[in-house]
Amino acid sequence: QVQVVESGGGLVQAGESLSLSCTVSGHVSSVYARGWFRQAPGKEREFVAGIGWDDGNPFYENSVKDRFTVSRDKAKNTIYLQMNSLKPEDTAVYYCAVDQQWGQGTQVTVSS
């Protein structure tokens, strides 16, 4: 059984940084990329960033590509999302996903 667990959310001020972690347990094929999504109140869930598990190639949604960095640690079965220069519009619940398996989400709140 695959479990996806996020951590690292919190409350920060605009311009500050925050790092999220996502650890996956159980077997997941390495062909699947792992990704970060977010859902703000009253909005649909949207893609933020992802990374190929085998090749480590990152890919980003345009609004975050110059501020967020996604990385992975294969030994720890974990991916990370380093978020810099945070804006109030980044406020959302952030979810990690792999092969249609989702974590419970972690809240990120950015105050102005």
N, C-alpha and C. Protein backbone atom coordinates (compact mmCIF):
# COMPACT_ATOMS: atom_id res chain seq x y z
N GLN A 1 0.85 -1.19 0.00
CA GLN A 1 0.00 0.00 0.00
C GLN A 1 0.89 1.24 0.00
N VAL A 2 0.58 2.15 -0.89
CA VAL A 2 1.37 3.36 -1.03
C VAL A 2 0.83 4.44 -0.09
N GLN A 3 1.74 5.07 0.63
CA GLN A 3 1.37 6.21 1.48
C GLN A 3 2.21 7.41 1.09
N VAL A 4 1.55 8.55 1.03
CA VAL A 4 2.21 9.80 0.66
C VAL A 4 2.01 10.78 1.81
N VAL A 5 3.10 11.28 2.36
CA VAL A 5 3.00 12.14 3.54
C VAL A 5 3.80 13.42 3.32
N GLU A 6 3.09 14.55 3.39
CA GLU A 6 3.74 15.85 3.27
C GLU A 6 4.02 16.43 4.64
N SER A 7 5.00 17.31 4.69
CA SER A 7 5.29 18.06 5.91
C SER A 7 5.97 19.36 5.55
N GLY A 8 5.98 20.28 6.51
CA GLY A 8 6.76 21.51 6.34
C GLY A 8 5.96 22.77 6.11
N GLY A 9 4.64 22.69 6.08
CA GLY A 9 3.86 23.90 5.87
C GLY A 9 3.94 24.83 7.08
N GLY A 10 3.36 26.00 6.92
CA GLY A 10 3.35 26.95 8.02
C GLY A 10 2.91 28.32 7.59
N LEU A 11 3.10 29.28 8.50
CA LEU A 11 2.74 30.67 8.26
C LEU A 11 4.01 31.50 8.14
N VAL A 12 4.13 32.22 7.03
CA VAL A 12 5.28 33.08 6.82
C VAL A 12 4.80 34.43 6.28
N GLN A 13 5.71 35.39 6.29
CA GLN A 13 5.39 36.69 5.70
C GLN A 13 5.83 36.71 4.24
N ALA A 14 5.23 37.60 3.49
CA ALA A 14 5.59 37.76 2.08
C ALA A 14 7.09 38.02 1.96
N GLY A 15 7.70 37.36 0.98
CA GLY A 15 9.13 37.49 0.76
C GLY A 15 9.97 36.45 1.46
N GLU A 16 9.38 35.76 2.40
CA GLU A 16 10.13 34.73 3.13
C GLU A 16 10.11 33.39 2.39
N SER A 17 10.79 32.41 2.97
CA SER A 17 10.93 31.10 2.33
C SER A 17 10.33 30.01 3.21
N LEU A 18 10.02 28.89 2.56
CA LEU A 18 9.49 27.72 3.25
C LEU A 18 9.87 26.50 2.43
N SER A 19 10.10 25.39 3.12
CA SER A 19 10.44 24.15 2.42
C SER A 19 9.47 23.06 2.81
N LEU A 20 8.97 22.36 1.82
CA LEU A 20 8.06 21.23 2.02
C LEU A 20 8.77 19.94 1.69
N SER A 21 8.35 18.88 2.38
CA SER A 21 8.87 17.54 2.10
C SER A 21 7.72 16.60 1.82
N CYS A 22 8.00 15.59 1.02
CA CYS A 22 7.01 14.56 0.71
C CYS A 22 7.71 13.22 0.65
N THR A 23 7.32 12.34 1.56
CA THR A 23 7.91 11.01 1.62
C THR A 23 6.88 9.98 1.19
N VAL A 24 7.30 9.09 0.31
CA VAL A 24 6.43 8.05 -0.21
C VAL A 24 6.90 6.70 0.32
N SER A 25 5.98 5.95 0.88
CA SER A 25 6.29 4.58 1.31
C SER A 25 5.47 3.61 0.48
N GLY A 26 5.99 2.40 0.37
CA GLY A 26 5.34 1.43 -0.49
C GLY A 26 5.94 1.49 -1.89
N HIS A 27 5.58 0.54 -2.71
CA HIS A 27 6.19 0.45 -4.03
C HIS A 27 5.49 1.34 -5.04
N VAL A 28 6.28 2.17 -5.69
CA VAL A 28 5.80 2.99 -6.80
C VAL A 28 6.80 2.86 -7.93
N SER A 29 6.34 2.59 -9.12
CA SER A 29 7.24 2.46 -10.25
C SER A 29 8.03 3.76 -10.46
N SER A 30 9.29 3.59 -10.77
CA SER A 30 10.15 4.77 -10.97
C SER A 30 9.82 5.52 -12.26
N VAL A 31 8.95 4.98 -13.10
CA VAL A 31 8.59 5.69 -14.33
C VAL A 31 7.71 6.90 -14.03
N TYR A 32 7.11 6.89 -12.85
CA TYR A 32 6.19 7.97 -12.52
C TYR A 32 6.94 9.16 -11.92
N ALA A 33 6.64 10.32 -12.46
CA ALA A 33 7.13 11.53 -11.84
C ALA A 33 6.37 11.77 -10.54
N ARG A 34 6.95 12.59 -9.70
CA ARG A 34 6.29 12.96 -8.43
C ARG A 34 6.07 14.46 -8.46
N GLY A 35 4.93 14.86 -7.98
CA GLY A 35 4.58 16.25 -8.17
C GLY A 35 3.97 16.93 -6.97
N TRP A 36 4.03 18.25 -7.04
CA TRP A 36 3.39 19.10 -6.06
C TRP A 36 2.23 19.85 -6.71
N PHE A 37 1.12 19.88 -5.99
CA PHE A 37 -0.06 20.61 -6.43
C PHE A 37 -0.50 21.49 -5.27
N ARG A 38 -1.38 22.43 -5.56
CA ARG A 38 -1.91 23.26 -4.48
C ARG A 38 -3.35 23.62 -4.78
N GLN A 39 -4.07 23.89 -3.69
CA GLN A 39 -5.46 24.29 -3.81
C GLN A 39 -5.73 25.43 -2.85
N ALA A 40 -6.05 26.57 -3.41
CA ALA A 40 -6.40 27.74 -2.61
C ALA A 40 -7.90 27.72 -2.34
N PRO A 41 -8.35 28.39 -1.30
CA PRO A 41 -9.78 28.42 -0.99
C PRO A 41 -10.61 28.91 -2.17
N GLY A 42 -11.63 28.16 -2.50
CA GLY A 42 -12.52 28.55 -3.58
C GLY A 42 -11.98 28.33 -4.98
N LYS A 43 -10.80 27.70 -5.07
CA LYS A 43 -10.20 27.46 -6.39
C LYS A 43 -9.95 25.98 -6.60
N GLU A 44 -9.74 25.63 -7.85
CA GLU A 44 -9.44 24.25 -8.18
C GLU A 44 -7.98 23.93 -7.87
N ARG A 45 -7.73 22.66 -7.65
CA ARG A 45 -6.36 22.23 -7.43
C ARG A 45 -5.55 22.45 -8.71
N GLU A 46 -4.33 22.95 -8.55
CA GLU A 46 -3.49 23.24 -9.71
C GLU A 46 -2.10 22.65 -9.53
N PHE A 47 -1.48 22.38 -10.65
CA PHE A 47 -0.12 21.85 -10.65
C PHE A 47 0.86 22.96 -10.28
N VAL A 48 1.89 22.59 -9.51
CA VAL A 48 2.91 23.54 -9.11
C VAL A 48 4.28 23.15 -9.68
N ALA A 49 4.71 21.95 -9.39
CA ALA A 49 6.04 21.51 -9.82
C ALA A 49 6.11 19.99 -9.76
N GLY A 50 7.00 19.42 -10.56
CA GLY A 50 7.18 17.98 -10.54
C GLY A 50 8.62 17.62 -10.86
N ILE A 51 8.93 16.35 -10.65
CA ILE A 51 10.29 15.90 -10.91
C ILE A 51 10.25 14.45 -11.34
N GLY A 52 11.02 14.13 -12.37
CA GLY A 52 11.14 12.76 -12.80
C GLY A 52 11.92 11.96 -11.78
N TRP A 53 11.40 10.82 -11.39
CA TRP A 53 12.07 10.09 -10.32
C TRP A 53 13.39 9.47 -10.79
N ASP A 54 13.40 8.97 -12.01
CA ASP A 54 14.62 8.37 -12.54
C ASP A 54 15.65 9.42 -12.94
N ASP A 55 15.23 10.40 -13.72
CA ASP A 55 16.20 11.34 -14.28
C ASP A 55 16.37 12.61 -13.47
N GLY A 56 15.47 12.84 -12.54
CA GLY A 56 15.59 14.03 -11.70
C GLY A 56 15.28 15.33 -12.42
N ASN A 57 14.73 15.27 -13.61
CA ASN A 57 14.43 16.50 -14.33
C ASN A 57 13.22 17.20 -13.70
N PRO A 58 13.37 18.47 -13.36
CA PRO A 58 12.26 19.20 -12.77
C PRO A 58 11.41 19.91 -13.83
N PHE A 59 10.19 20.19 -13.50
CA PHE A 59 9.34 20.99 -14.37
C PHE A 59 8.38 21.78 -13.49
N TYR A 60 8.02 22.97 -13.95
CA TYR A 60 7.32 23.94 -13.12
C TYR A 60 6.16 24.61 -13.83
N GLU A 61 5.20 25.02 -13.03
CA GLU A 61 4.17 25.93 -13.50
C GLU A 61 4.82 27.31 -13.65
N ASN A 62 4.41 28.08 -14.64
CA ASN A 62 5.11 29.32 -14.97
C ASN A 62 5.22 30.31 -13.82
N SER A 63 4.18 30.39 -13.01
CA SER A 63 4.17 31.44 -11.99
C SER A 63 5.15 31.17 -10.84
N VAL A 64 5.69 29.96 -10.77
CA VAL A 64 6.59 29.64 -9.66
C VAL A 64 8.00 29.28 -10.11
N LYS A 65 8.24 29.16 -11.40
CA LYS A 65 9.50 28.57 -11.87
C LYS A 65 10.73 29.37 -11.48
N ASP A 66 10.60 30.64 -11.23
CA ASP A 66 11.76 31.45 -10.83
C ASP A 66 11.89 31.56 -9.32
N ARG A 67 10.95 30.98 -8.57
CA ARG A 67 10.94 31.11 -7.12
C ARG A 67 10.99 29.77 -6.39
N PHE A 68 10.47 28.73 -7.00
CA PHE A 68 10.38 27.42 -6.36
C PHE A 68 11.38 26.46 -6.99
N THR A 69 11.90 25.56 -6.18
CA THR A 69 12.81 24.52 -6.65
C THR A 69 12.36 23.17 -6.12
N VAL A 70 12.19 22.22 -7.03
CA VAL A 70 11.82 20.87 -6.63
C VAL A 70 13.06 19.99 -6.75
N SER A 71 13.23 19.10 -5.78
CA SER A 71 14.38 18.20 -5.78
C SER A 71 13.98 16.86 -5.19
N ARG A 72 14.87 15.90 -5.28
CA ARG A 72 14.55 14.58 -4.73
C ARG A 72 15.76 13.97 -4.06
N ASP A 73 15.48 13.09 -3.12
CA ASP A 73 16.50 12.28 -2.46
C ASP A 73 16.03 10.84 -2.60
N LYS A 74 16.63 10.11 -3.53
CA LYS A 74 16.16 8.76 -3.80
C LYS A 74 16.38 7.84 -2.61
N ALA A 75 17.45 8.05 -1.88
CA ALA A 75 17.73 7.19 -0.74
C ALA A 75 16.65 7.32 0.34
N LYS A 76 16.06 8.52 0.44
CA LYS A 76 15.03 8.76 1.45
C LYS A 76 13.63 8.65 0.87
N ASN A 77 13.53 8.37 -0.42
CA ASN A 77 12.24 8.27 -1.10
C ASN A 77 11.41 9.54 -0.87
N THR A 78 12.09 10.66 -0.96
CA THR A 78 11.49 11.94 -0.60
C THR A 78 11.73 12.97 -1.68
N ILE A 79 10.71 13.81 -1.92
CA ILE A 79 10.91 14.98 -2.76
C ILE A 79 10.69 16.22 -1.91
N TYR A 80 11.27 17.31 -2.37
CA TYR A 80 11.22 18.55 -1.63
C TYR A 80 10.73 19.67 -2.53
N LEU A 81 10.15 20.69 -1.91
CA LEU A 81 9.78 21.89 -2.64
C LEU A 81 10.29 23.08 -1.83
N GLN A 82 11.34 23.70 -2.34
CA GLN A 82 11.88 24.89 -1.72
C GLN A 82 11.18 26.09 -2.33
N MET A 83 10.52 26.86 -1.49
CA MET A 83 9.72 28.00 -1.96
C MET A 83 10.34 29.29 -1.43
N ASN A 84 10.82 30.11 -2.34
CA ASN A 84 11.42 31.40 -1.99
C ASN A 84 10.55 32.54 -2.47
N SER A 85 10.79 33.71 -1.91
CA SER A 85 10.06 34.92 -2.32
C SER A 85 8.55 34.68 -2.35
N LEU A 86 8.05 34.10 -1.28
CA LEU A 86 6.65 33.74 -1.23
C LEU A 86 5.74 34.96 -1.30
N LYS A 87 4.60 34.77 -1.93
CA LYS A 87 3.61 35.83 -2.11
C LYS A 87 2.30 35.40 -1.45
N PRO A 88 1.46 36.35 -1.09
CA PRO A 88 0.16 35.98 -0.51
C PRO A 88 -0.64 35.06 -1.42
N GLU A 89 -0.48 35.21 -2.73
CA GLU A 89 -1.23 34.35 -3.66
C GLU A 89 -0.70 32.91 -3.68
N ASP A 90 0.39 32.65 -3.01
CA ASP A 90 0.88 31.27 -2.86
C ASP A 90 0.16 30.53 -1.73
N THR A 91 -0.65 31.25 -0.98
CA THR A 91 -1.39 30.63 0.12
C THR A 91 -2.32 29.54 -0.41
N ALA A 92 -2.18 28.34 0.13
CA ALA A 92 -2.97 27.20 -0.34
C ALA A 92 -2.61 25.99 0.51
N VAL A 93 -3.39 24.94 0.32
CA VAL A 93 -2.99 23.63 0.82
C VAL A 93 -2.16 22.99 -0.28
N TYR A 94 -0.97 22.53 0.08
CA TYR A 94 -0.07 21.93 -0.88
C TYR A 94 -0.11 20.41 -0.74
N TYR A 95 -0.27 19.76 -1.88
CA TYR A 95 -0.39 18.31 -1.92
C TYR A 95 0.75 17.71 -2.74
N CYS A 96 1.16 16.55 -2.31
CA CYS A 96 2.12 15.76 -3.08
C CYS A 96 1.38 14.58 -3.69
N ALA A 97 1.79 14.19 -4.90
CA ALA A 97 1.10 13.09 -5.57
C ALA A 97 2.06 12.28 -6.40
N VAL A 98 1.79 10.99 -6.49
CA VAL A 98 2.53 10.09 -7.36
C VAL A 98 1.58 8.97 -7.75
N ASP A 99 1.53 8.68 -9.05
CA ASP A 99 0.72 7.57 -9.57
C ASP A 99 -0.69 7.57 -8.97
N GLN A 100 -1.34 8.71 -9.01
CA GLN A 100 -2.72 8.89 -8.54
C GLN A 100 -2.88 8.68 -7.03
N GLN A 101 -1.81 8.64 -6.31
CA GLN A 101 -1.85 8.58 -4.85
C GLN A 101 -1.54 9.97 -4.31
N TRP A 102 -2.38 10.43 -3.37
CA TRP A 102 -2.25 11.78 -2.86
C TRP A 102 -1.97 11.77 -1.36
N GLY A 103 -1.21 12.77 -0.94
CA GLY A 103 -1.05 12.97 0.48
C GLY A 103 -2.23 13.75 1.05
N GLN A 104 -2.15 14.00 2.36
CA GLN A 104 -3.25 14.68 3.03
C GLN A 104 -3.17 16.19 2.88
N GLY A 105 -2.03 16.68 2.44
CA GLY A 105 -1.86 18.11 2.24
C GLY A 105 -1.26 18.81 3.43
N THR A 106 -0.60 19.91 3.17
CA THR A 106 -0.03 20.74 4.23
C THR A 106 -0.31 22.20 3.91
N GLN A 107 -0.74 22.92 4.93
CA GLN A 107 -1.16 24.31 4.73
C GLN A 107 0.03 25.25 4.65
N VAL A 108 0.02 26.10 3.63
CA VAL A 108 1.00 27.18 3.51
C VAL A 108 0.22 28.49 3.49
N THR A 109 0.53 29.36 4.43
CA THR A 109 -0.13 30.65 4.51
C THR A 109 0.92 31.75 4.45
N VAL A 110 0.74 32.67 3.51
CA VAL A 110 1.67 33.78 3.34
C VAL A 110 0.94 35.08 3.63
N SER A 111 1.38 35.78 4.66
CA SER A 111 0.73 37.04 5.02
C SER A 111 1.42 38.21 4.33
N SER A 112 0.63 39.23 4.06
CA SER A 112 1.19 40.40 3.36
C SER A 112 1.72 41.43 4.34
